[in-house]
Amino acid sequence: MRQRIAAAACAAALLVAAGAAWGGASPFGDPMLRDIEPEPAAIELADLSEDGVLDLLVIQGTYNGNALVYQGQGDGSFPVEPTDTTALYLDSNGGVVADFNGDGVLDVAALNSACST
């Protein structure tokens, strides 16, 4: 399945625009706007639910922020409320999705900007 999705986060909002048909006037359809409180620090697109559809991961950028997963609907849209929420207990300023341990399942790593060594 071929998908194009553009996503951007700023302040406390998330803008998602699904890809339109190739050759159209605009490469993306009408955007969806979601309020995310507290504000997002990072976003990633990955098939976290392993259903062949891109899901949206939002990492909140405040102390005791969460990792929010919005399961993709298959048409480039996402639900209004997160499908899954995981507490991070850190002041994150970024993150990445990859299979870090080689088990075939995607993992999430988040940066902690308030940590000292």
Protein backbone atom coordinates (compact mmCIF):
# COMPACT_ATOMS: atom_id res chain seq x y z
CA MET A 1 0.00 0.00 0.00
CA ARG A 2 1.45 3.35 -1.05
CA GLN A 3 0.83 6.26 1.32
CA ARG A 4 1.94 9.86 1.47
CA ILE A 5 1.33 11.69 4.71
CA ALA A 6 2.78 15.01 5.79
CA ALA A 7 2.75 15.81 9.47
CA ALA A 8 4.04 18.84 11.35
CA ALA A 9 3.88 19.85 14.99
CA CYS A 10 4.06 23.35 16.41
CA ALA A 11 3.00 24.88 19.72
CA ALA A 12 0.17 22.63 20.94
CA ALA A 13 -1.18 21.59 17.55
CA LEU A 14 -0.59 18.81 15.08
CA LEU A 15 -1.34 19.24 11.38
CA VAL A 16 -1.74 16.12 9.23
CA ALA A 17 -2.38 16.17 5.47
CA ALA A 18 -2.91 12.93 3.54
CA GLY A 19 -1.52 12.56 0.04
CA ALA A 20 -3.90 13.35 -2.82
CA ALA A 21 -3.99 11.53 -6.16
CA TRP A 22 -0.77 11.81 -8.15
CA GLY A 23 -0.83 14.52 -10.78
CA GLY A 24 -3.34 16.71 -8.94
CA ALA A 25 -2.96 20.42 -8.28
CA SER A 26 -1.82 19.77 -4.71
CA PRO A 27 0.16 16.75 -3.52
CA PHE A 28 -1.86 16.70 -0.27
CA GLY A 29 -5.55 16.79 0.59
CA ASP A 30 -7.29 18.96 3.16
CA PRO A 31 -5.32 18.98 6.42
CA MET A 32 -6.60 17.73 9.75
CA LEU A 33 -5.70 19.79 12.80
CA ARG A 34 -5.42 18.21 16.24
CA ASP A 35 -4.83 19.97 19.54
CA ILE A 36 -2.14 18.19 21.54
CA GLU A 37 -1.66 19.29 25.15
CA PRO A 38 1.05 19.52 26.35
CA GLU A 39 2.87 20.49 23.18
CA PRO A 40 4.52 17.91 20.91
CA ALA A 41 8.31 17.66 20.88
CA ALA A 42 8.58 15.05 18.14
CA ILE A 43 6.46 13.14 15.66
CA GLU A 44 7.18 9.93 13.78
CA LEU A 45 5.25 7.97 11.16
CA ALA A 46 5.62 4.19 11.39
CA ASP A 47 3.48 1.05 11.23
CA LEU A 48 3.41 0.57 15.01
CA SER A 49 0.29 -1.64 14.93
CA GLU A 50 1.78 -3.91 12.24
CA ASP A 51 -1.35 -3.71 10.05
CA GLY A 52 0.32 -2.26 6.95
CA VAL A 53 -0.97 1.27 7.65
CA LEU A 54 1.17 4.16 8.90
CA ASP A 55 0.48 5.21 12.49
CA LEU A 56 1.41 8.51 14.07
CA LEU A 57 3.58 8.70 17.18
CA VAL A 58 3.59 12.01 19.05
CA ILE A 59 6.10 12.53 21.87
CA GLN A 60 5.02 15.29 24.21
CA GLY A 61 7.74 17.74 25.20
CA THR A 62 7.03 18.56 28.81
CA TYR A 63 7.99 17.06 32.13
CA ASN A 64 6.05 13.82 32.59
CA GLY A 65 4.98 13.91 28.94
CA ASN A 66 3.56 10.92 27.11
CA ALA A 67 4.10 8.98 23.93
CA LEU A 68 0.78 9.14 22.08
CA VAL A 69 -0.07 6.71 19.26
CA TYR A 70 -2.77 7.57 16.73
CA GLN A 71 -3.55 4.44 14.72
CA GLY A 72 -3.78 5.17 11.00
CA GLN A 73 -7.20 4.57 9.44
CA GLY A 74 -5.81 3.50 6.05
CA ASP A 75 -7.08 6.59 4.23
CA GLY A 76 -4.45 8.99 5.57
CA SER A 77 -6.56 10.00 8.57
CA PHE A 78 -6.10 9.45 12.27
CA PRO A 79 -8.57 9.37 15.18
CA VAL A 80 -9.17 12.49 17.26
CA GLU A 81 -8.09 10.77 20.47
CA PRO A 82 -4.91 8.68 20.77
CA THR A 83 -5.28 4.92 20.35
CA ASP A 84 -2.59 4.29 22.97
CA THR A 85 -0.83 6.44 25.57
CA THR A 86 2.38 5.55 27.39
CA ALA A 87 3.81 7.71 30.19
CA LEU A 88 7.46 8.63 29.57
CA TYR A 89 8.25 10.33 32.91
CA LEU A 90 10.76 12.63 31.27
CA ASP A 91 11.09 16.04 29.66
CA SER A 92 11.46 14.88 26.08
CA ASN A 93 12.74 16.96 23.20
CA GLY A 94 12.76 14.30 20.50
CA GLY A 95 12.52 10.65 19.64
CA VAL A 96 12.87 8.01 16.98
CA VAL A 97 11.23 4.72 15.96
CA ALA A 98 13.35 1.71 14.92
CA ASP A 99 13.81 -1.99 15.66
CA PHE A 100 16.64 -1.52 18.16
CA ASN A 101 16.84 -5.08 19.48
CA GLY A 102 16.35 -6.92 16.17
CA ASP A 103 13.18 -8.78 17.18
CA GLY A 104 11.15 -7.52 14.21
CA VAL A 105 8.99 -5.22 16.36
CA LEU A 106 9.39 -1.42 16.24
CA ASP A 107 10.71 0.24 19.39
CA VAL A 108 10.59 3.88 20.48
CA ALA A 109 13.48 5.90 21.94
CA ALA A 110 12.88 9.36 23.43
CA LEU A 111 15.44 11.98 24.47
CA ASN A 112 15.37 13.42 27.95
CA SER A 113 16.44 17.08 28.01
CA ALA A 114 16.18 17.37 31.80
CA CYS A 115 18.53 14.51 32.66
CA SER A 116 21.96 15.02 34.18
CA THR A 117 24.78 12.50 34.52
